[in-house]
Amino acid sequence: MKRKKTWRKSGLGFALDEEMIGYHEFVTGEGEPGRRPFIFKVNWGHESLLNVVGKLGLSTECYLRGTVTADGLCRASPCEGRLILDYRGTNTIR
């Protein structure tokens, strides 16, 4: 899997453009056999770092918006959600 990140400042917050490129395969009998391209392309970040500083950077919720392409299933389908960064608690990204 190839992964690319681009850092971009956005007002008082931050934003990252992230692209992950890999492959997917259909379950036997559910599509053409073999590896097919899969692309996850999103922008994620925090619109205001003031909220993060107020929580002492323990955990913050970021927006996530972009598209998913899974050859044979969808092409540049919109995706949107949230990303939770927990740097000092459980050291996880969810």
N, C-alpha and C. Protein backbone atom coordinates (compact mmCIF):
# COMPACT_ATOMS: atom_id res chain seq x y z
N MET A 1 0.85 -1.17 0.00
CA MET A 1 0.00 0.00 0.00
C MET A 1 0.89 1.23 0.00
N LYS A 2 0.57 2.16 -0.86
CA LYS A 2 1.30 3.42 -0.95
C LYS A 2 0.53 4.47 -0.15
N ARG A 3 1.25 5.29 0.60
CA ARG A 3 0.59 6.29 1.42
C ARG A 3 1.28 7.64 1.22
N LYS A 4 0.47 8.68 1.03
CA LYS A 4 1.03 10.01 0.80
C LYS A 4 0.28 11.01 1.67
N LYS A 5 1.03 11.88 2.37
CA LYS A 5 0.41 12.93 3.18
C LYS A 5 0.97 14.27 2.75
N THR A 6 0.12 15.27 2.77
CA THR A 6 0.54 16.64 2.49
C THR A 6 0.05 17.53 3.62
N TRP A 7 0.94 18.28 4.24
CA TRP A 7 0.58 19.18 5.33
C TRP A 7 0.10 20.50 4.75
N ARG A 8 -0.96 21.03 5.32
CA ARG A 8 -1.51 22.29 4.85
C ARG A 8 -2.09 23.06 6.03
N LYS A 9 -1.72 24.32 6.18
CA LYS A 9 -2.27 25.14 7.26
C LYS A 9 -3.64 25.65 6.85
N SER A 10 -4.51 25.78 7.82
CA SER A 10 -5.88 26.22 7.55
C SER A 10 -6.34 27.15 8.67
N GLY A 11 -6.13 28.45 8.53
CA GLY A 11 -6.54 29.40 9.56
C GLY A 11 -5.86 29.11 10.89
N LEU A 12 -6.64 29.02 11.97
CA LEU A 12 -6.09 28.70 13.29
C LEU A 12 -6.06 27.19 13.55
N GLY A 13 -6.46 26.40 12.59
CA GLY A 13 -6.45 24.95 12.75
C GLY A 13 -5.38 24.34 11.86
N PHE A 14 -5.60 23.11 11.46
CA PHE A 14 -4.69 22.45 10.54
C PHE A 14 -5.46 21.48 9.68
N ALA A 15 -4.89 21.11 8.55
CA ALA A 15 -5.52 20.15 7.64
C ALA A 15 -4.44 19.33 6.96
N LEU A 16 -4.74 18.07 6.72
CA LEU A 16 -3.84 17.17 6.01
C LEU A 16 -4.59 16.54 4.86
N ASP A 17 -3.96 16.47 3.70
CA ASP A 17 -4.49 15.71 2.57
C ASP A 17 -3.79 14.35 2.62
N GLU A 18 -4.56 13.28 2.64
CA GLU A 18 -3.97 11.95 2.74
C GLU A 18 -4.55 11.06 1.65
N GLU A 19 -3.68 10.30 1.02
CA GLU A 19 -4.10 9.39 -0.04
C GLU A 19 -3.47 8.02 0.23
N MET A 20 -4.30 6.99 0.30
CA MET A 20 -3.81 5.62 0.47
C MET A 20 -4.25 4.83 -0.76
N ILE A 21 -3.31 4.19 -1.38
CA ILE A 21 -3.59 3.42 -2.60
C ILE A 21 -3.18 1.98 -2.35
N GLY A 22 -4.08 1.08 -2.64
CA GLY A 22 -3.80 -0.34 -2.45
C GLY A 22 -4.68 -1.18 -3.36
N TYR A 23 -5.05 -2.34 -2.88
CA TYR A 23 -5.85 -3.28 -3.66
C TYR A 23 -6.93 -3.90 -2.80
N HIS A 24 -7.97 -4.38 -3.44
CA HIS A 24 -8.99 -5.19 -2.76
C HIS A 24 -9.29 -6.39 -3.64
N GLU A 25 -9.88 -7.41 -3.06
CA GLU A 25 -10.30 -8.60 -3.81
C GLU A 25 -11.71 -8.96 -3.38
N PHE A 26 -12.51 -9.38 -4.35
CA PHE A 26 -13.87 -9.82 -4.04
C PHE A 26 -13.84 -11.21 -3.40
N VAL A 27 -14.83 -11.47 -2.56
CA VAL A 27 -15.01 -12.81 -2.01
C VAL A 27 -15.38 -13.73 -3.17
N THR A 28 -14.93 -14.96 -3.14
CA THR A 28 -15.20 -15.92 -4.22
C THR A 28 -16.69 -15.95 -4.57
N GLY A 29 -16.98 -15.78 -5.85
CA GLY A 29 -18.35 -15.81 -6.34
C GLY A 29 -19.08 -14.48 -6.28
N GLU A 30 -18.45 -13.44 -5.78
CA GLU A 30 -19.10 -12.14 -5.63
C GLU A 30 -18.57 -11.07 -6.58
N GLY A 31 -17.71 -11.43 -7.49
CA GLY A 31 -17.15 -10.47 -8.43
C GLY A 31 -16.00 -11.11 -9.18
N GLU A 32 -15.41 -10.37 -10.10
CA GLU A 32 -14.28 -10.90 -10.85
C GLU A 32 -13.12 -11.21 -9.91
N PRO A 33 -12.49 -12.39 -10.08
CA PRO A 33 -11.36 -12.73 -9.22
C PRO A 33 -10.14 -11.86 -9.52
N GLY A 34 -9.26 -11.73 -8.53
CA GLY A 34 -8.02 -10.99 -8.71
C GLY A 34 -7.99 -9.68 -7.94
N ARG A 35 -6.82 -9.09 -7.90
CA ARG A 35 -6.63 -7.82 -7.20
C ARG A 35 -7.16 -6.67 -8.04
N ARG A 36 -7.85 -5.75 -7.37
CA ARG A 36 -8.41 -4.58 -8.03
C ARG A 36 -8.01 -3.33 -7.26
N PRO A 37 -7.81 -2.21 -7.95
CA PRO A 37 -7.37 -0.97 -7.28
C PRO A 37 -8.36 -0.47 -6.22
N PHE A 38 -7.79 0.08 -5.14
CA PHE A 38 -8.56 0.69 -4.06
C PHE A 38 -7.87 2.00 -3.70
N ILE A 39 -8.62 3.11 -3.67
CA ILE A 39 -8.04 4.43 -3.36
C ILE A 39 -8.90 5.11 -2.30
N PHE A 40 -8.25 5.54 -1.24
CA PHE A 40 -8.87 6.26 -0.14
C PHE A 40 -8.20 7.63 -0.12
N LYS A 41 -8.94 8.69 -0.44
CA LYS A 41 -8.37 10.02 -0.58
C LYS A 41 -9.19 10.99 0.28
N VAL A 42 -8.57 11.51 1.35
CA VAL A 42 -9.31 12.35 2.28
C VAL A 42 -8.52 13.59 2.70
N ASN A 43 -9.25 14.54 3.25
CA ASN A 43 -8.68 15.71 3.91
C ASN A 43 -9.18 15.61 5.34
N TRP A 44 -8.27 15.72 6.30
CA TRP A 44 -8.68 15.70 7.69
C TRP A 44 -7.89 16.71 8.49
N GLY A 45 -8.48 17.16 9.58
CA GLY A 45 -7.81 18.14 10.41
C GLY A 45 -8.73 18.71 11.47
N HIS A 46 -8.31 19.81 12.02
CA HIS A 46 -9.06 20.47 13.08
C HIS A 46 -9.25 21.92 12.67
N GLU A 47 -10.49 22.39 12.75
CA GLU A 47 -10.78 23.74 12.30
C GLU A 47 -10.30 24.80 13.29
N SER A 48 -10.06 24.43 14.55
CA SER A 48 -9.57 25.40 15.52
C SER A 48 -8.68 24.71 16.55
N LEU A 49 -7.44 25.12 16.62
CA LEU A 49 -6.52 24.56 17.61
C LEU A 49 -6.83 25.07 19.02
N LEU A 50 -7.66 26.09 19.13
CA LEU A 50 -8.03 26.60 20.45
C LEU A 50 -8.72 25.53 21.27
N ASN A 51 -9.55 24.69 20.63
CA ASN A 51 -10.23 23.60 21.34
C ASN A 51 -9.23 22.55 21.82
N VAL A 52 -8.22 22.28 21.03
CA VAL A 52 -7.21 21.29 21.38
C VAL A 52 -6.39 21.79 22.58
N VAL A 53 -5.96 23.03 22.54
CA VAL A 53 -5.17 23.62 23.63
C VAL A 53 -5.98 23.63 24.92
N GLY A 54 -7.27 23.90 24.81
CA GLY A 54 -8.13 23.92 26.00
C GLY A 54 -8.22 22.58 26.68
N LYS A 55 -8.04 21.48 25.94
CA LYS A 55 -8.08 20.13 26.51
C LYS A 55 -6.69 19.62 26.84
N LEU A 56 -5.70 20.48 26.78
CA LEU A 56 -4.30 20.12 27.05
C LEU A 56 -3.78 19.06 26.09
N GLY A 57 -4.39 18.95 24.94
CA GLY A 57 -3.91 18.02 23.92
C GLY A 57 -4.10 16.55 24.26
N LEU A 58 -4.96 16.24 25.24
CA LEU A 58 -5.15 14.84 25.62
C LEU A 58 -5.86 14.05 24.52
N SER A 59 -6.90 14.62 23.97
CA SER A 59 -7.67 13.94 22.94
C SER A 59 -8.42 15.01 22.15
N THR A 60 -8.53 14.81 20.86
CA THR A 60 -9.27 15.76 20.05
C THR A 60 -9.97 15.02 18.91
N GLU A 61 -11.09 15.56 18.50
CA GLU A 61 -11.86 15.00 17.41
C GLU A 61 -11.68 15.88 16.18
N CYS A 62 -11.28 15.27 15.07
CA CYS A 62 -11.05 15.99 13.82
C CYS A 62 -12.12 15.60 12.80
N TYR A 63 -12.34 16.48 11.83
CA TYR A 63 -13.22 16.14 10.72
C TYR A 63 -12.44 15.30 9.71
N LEU A 64 -13.16 14.55 8.89
CA LEU A 64 -12.56 13.76 7.82
C LEU A 64 -13.53 13.77 6.64
N ARG A 65 -13.06 14.22 5.48
CA ARG A 65 -13.90 14.27 4.28
C ARG A 65 -13.08 13.85 3.08
N GLY A 66 -13.71 13.13 2.15
CA GLY A 66 -12.98 12.74 0.95
C GLY A 66 -13.77 11.77 0.09
N THR A 67 -13.03 10.91 -0.60
CA THR A 67 -13.65 9.95 -1.51
C THR A 67 -12.99 8.58 -1.38
N VAL A 68 -13.74 7.55 -1.78
CA VAL A 68 -13.26 6.18 -1.82
C VAL A 68 -13.55 5.62 -3.21
N THR A 69 -12.55 4.99 -3.80
CA THR A 69 -12.73 4.29 -5.07
C THR A 69 -12.33 2.84 -4.86
N ALA A 70 -13.25 1.93 -5.10
CA ALA A 70 -12.98 0.50 -5.04
C ALA A 70 -13.41 -0.08 -6.38
N ASP A 71 -12.44 -0.36 -7.24
CA ASP A 71 -12.73 -0.80 -8.60
C ASP A 71 -13.74 -1.94 -8.60
N GLY A 72 -14.78 -1.79 -9.40
CA GLY A 72 -15.84 -2.79 -9.48
C GLY A 72 -16.97 -2.55 -8.50
N LEU A 73 -16.80 -1.59 -7.58
CA LEU A 73 -17.85 -1.28 -6.60
C LEU A 73 -18.28 0.18 -6.66
N CYS A 74 -17.32 1.10 -6.57
CA CYS A 74 -17.65 2.53 -6.55
C CYS A 74 -16.49 3.33 -7.09
N ARG A 75 -16.81 4.54 -7.55
CA ARG A 75 -15.78 5.42 -8.11
C ARG A 75 -15.93 6.80 -7.48
N ALA A 76 -14.90 7.25 -6.76
CA ALA A 76 -14.88 8.56 -6.10
C ALA A 76 -16.16 8.81 -5.30
N SER A 77 -16.60 7.81 -4.54
CA SER A 77 -17.79 7.95 -3.70
C SER A 77 -17.44 8.79 -2.48
N PRO A 78 -18.29 9.75 -2.14
CA PRO A 78 -18.02 10.61 -1.00
C PRO A 78 -17.97 9.83 0.32
N CYS A 79 -17.05 10.21 1.18
CA CYS A 79 -17.02 9.67 2.54
C CYS A 79 -16.79 10.83 3.50
N GLU A 80 -17.37 10.73 4.67
CA GLU A 80 -17.27 11.79 5.66
C GLU A 80 -17.40 11.17 7.03
N GLY A 81 -16.65 11.68 7.98
CA GLY A 81 -16.72 11.15 9.33
C GLY A 81 -15.85 11.95 10.27
N ARG A 82 -15.40 11.28 11.32
CA ARG A 82 -14.54 11.94 12.30
C ARG A 82 -13.36 11.05 12.62
N LEU A 83 -12.31 11.68 13.05
CA LEU A 83 -11.08 11.00 13.41
C LEU A 83 -10.74 11.46 14.82
N ILE A 84 -10.55 10.53 15.73
CA ILE A 84 -10.23 10.89 17.11
C ILE A 84 -8.76 10.62 17.36
N LEU A 85 -8.03 11.68 17.74
CA LEU A 85 -6.61 11.58 18.06
C LEU A 85 -6.46 11.61 19.58
N ASP A 86 -5.85 10.59 20.13
CA ASP A 86 -5.64 10.51 21.57
C ASP A 86 -4.14 10.33 21.82
N TYR A 87 -3.43 11.44 21.89
CA TYR A 87 -1.98 11.41 21.97
C TYR A 87 -1.43 10.96 23.31
N ARG A 88 -2.07 11.39 24.41
CA ARG A 88 -1.50 11.11 25.72
C ARG A 88 -2.27 10.07 26.51
N GLY A 89 -3.49 9.76 26.11
CA GLY A 89 -4.29 8.76 26.83
C GLY A 89 -3.89 7.36 26.39
N THR A 90 -4.54 6.88 25.32
CA THR A 90 -4.26 5.53 24.82
C THR A 90 -3.31 5.53 23.63
N ASN A 91 -2.84 6.72 23.23
CA ASN A 91 -1.94 6.86 22.07
C ASN A 91 -2.52 6.19 20.83
N THR A 92 -3.76 6.51 20.51
CA THR A 92 -4.43 5.90 19.36
C THR A 92 -5.01 6.93 18.41
N ILE A 93 -5.28 6.48 17.20
CA ILE A 93 -6.03 7.23 16.21
C ILE A 93 -7.20 6.33 15.83
N ARG A 94 -8.43 6.83 15.99
CA ARG A 94 -9.61 6.04 15.64
C ARG A 94 -10.45 6.80 14.66
